[in-house]
Amino acid sequence: MPKKHIPTVLDIQDEEEKIIGHIQTVAAKIARSVLEGKGFRMVVNCLEDAGQKVFHIHYHFLAGPYLKRHPG
């Protein structure tokens, strides 16, 4: 989660490109260390209709048994 307040992906501006890129890089490091090569889905909910409850951009990792119960 970035320190700079970005409510949704719709609020990302050109000047946040470096922050968003950094988030992706950190997410990849986390996935490699925690999930150890297993498949996962990374989700960003955007607005209430999509289930966003916390209005500060953040990512969800979905992996393991969850993926089998909730396919693509």
Protein backbone atom coordinates (compact mmCIF):
# COMPACT_ATOMS: atom_id res chain seq x y z
CA MET A 1 0.00 0.00 0.00
CA PRO A 2 1.57 3.31 -0.98
CA LYS A 3 2.05 6.04 1.63
CA LYS A 4 0.61 8.55 -0.84
CA HIS A 5 -3.17 8.42 -0.72
CA ILE A 6 -4.53 7.03 -3.99
CA PRO A 7 -8.20 6.04 -3.46
CA THR A 8 -8.71 3.80 -6.52
CA VAL A 9 -6.92 2.75 -9.71
CA LEU A 10 -9.04 5.38 -11.46
CA ASP A 11 -7.19 8.02 -9.44
CA ILE A 12 -3.71 7.00 -10.61
CA GLN A 13 -2.01 9.89 -12.39
CA ASP A 14 1.06 9.88 -14.67
CA GLU A 15 3.25 11.09 -11.79
CA GLU A 16 2.36 7.94 -9.77
CA GLU A 17 3.90 5.62 -12.39
CA LYS A 18 7.02 5.10 -10.26
CA ILE A 19 4.95 4.28 -7.14
CA ILE A 20 2.72 1.81 -9.02
CA GLY A 21 5.76 0.18 -10.61
CA HIS A 22 7.35 -0.16 -7.18
CA ILE A 23 4.17 -1.78 -5.83
CA GLN A 24 4.28 -4.35 -8.64
CA THR A 25 7.95 -5.10 -7.94
CA VAL A 26 7.33 -5.56 -4.21
CA ALA A 27 4.28 -7.71 -4.94
CA ALA A 28 6.44 -9.98 -7.13
CA LYS A 29 9.03 -10.31 -4.33
CA ILE A 30 6.31 -11.18 -1.82
CA ALA A 31 4.76 -13.73 -4.18
CA ARG A 32 8.13 -15.39 -4.85
CA SER A 33 9.02 -15.65 -1.17
CA VAL A 34 5.62 -16.55 0.26
CA LEU A 35 3.99 -18.54 -2.53
CA GLU A 36 7.19 -20.31 -3.63
CA GLY A 37 6.36 -20.61 -7.32
CA LYS A 38 2.71 -21.58 -6.88
CA GLY A 39 0.06 -19.86 -8.96
CA PHE A 40 -1.84 -16.88 -7.65
CA ARG A 41 -4.10 -14.07 -8.70
CA MET A 42 -3.44 -10.45 -7.72
CA VAL A 43 -6.60 -8.37 -7.55
CA VAL A 44 -7.29 -4.67 -7.13
CA ASN A 45 -10.94 -3.87 -6.46
CA CYS A 46 -12.08 -0.54 -7.87
CA LEU A 47 -15.16 1.19 -6.42
CA GLU A 48 -17.99 -0.24 -4.33
CA ASP A 49 -19.62 -2.17 -7.19
CA ALA A 50 -16.43 -4.25 -7.42
CA GLY A 51 -16.25 -4.82 -3.66
CA GLN A 52 -13.83 -2.06 -2.70
CA LYS A 53 -14.31 -1.32 1.00
CA VAL A 54 -11.06 0.48 1.79
CA PHE A 55 -10.57 3.51 -0.42
CA HIS A 56 -6.80 3.43 -0.58
CA ILE A 57 -5.33 1.44 -3.46
CA HIS A 58 -4.17 -1.98 -2.27
CA TYR A 59 -3.74 -5.47 -3.66
CA HIS A 60 -5.16 -8.87 -2.73
CA PHE A 61 -3.26 -12.10 -3.35
CA LEU A 62 -5.56 -15.05 -4.01
CA ALA A 63 -3.89 -18.44 -3.94
CA GLY A 64 -4.20 -22.04 -2.90
CA PRO A 65 -7.61 -23.60 -2.22
CA TYR A 66 -9.37 -20.26 -2.88
CA LEU A 67 -8.50 -20.49 -6.59
CA LYS A 68 -9.99 -23.95 -6.87
CA ARG A 69 -13.28 -22.76 -5.32
CA HIS A 70 -13.39 -19.54 -7.38
CA PRO A 71 -12.06 -20.22 -10.89
CA GLY A 72 -11.16 -17.31 -13.23
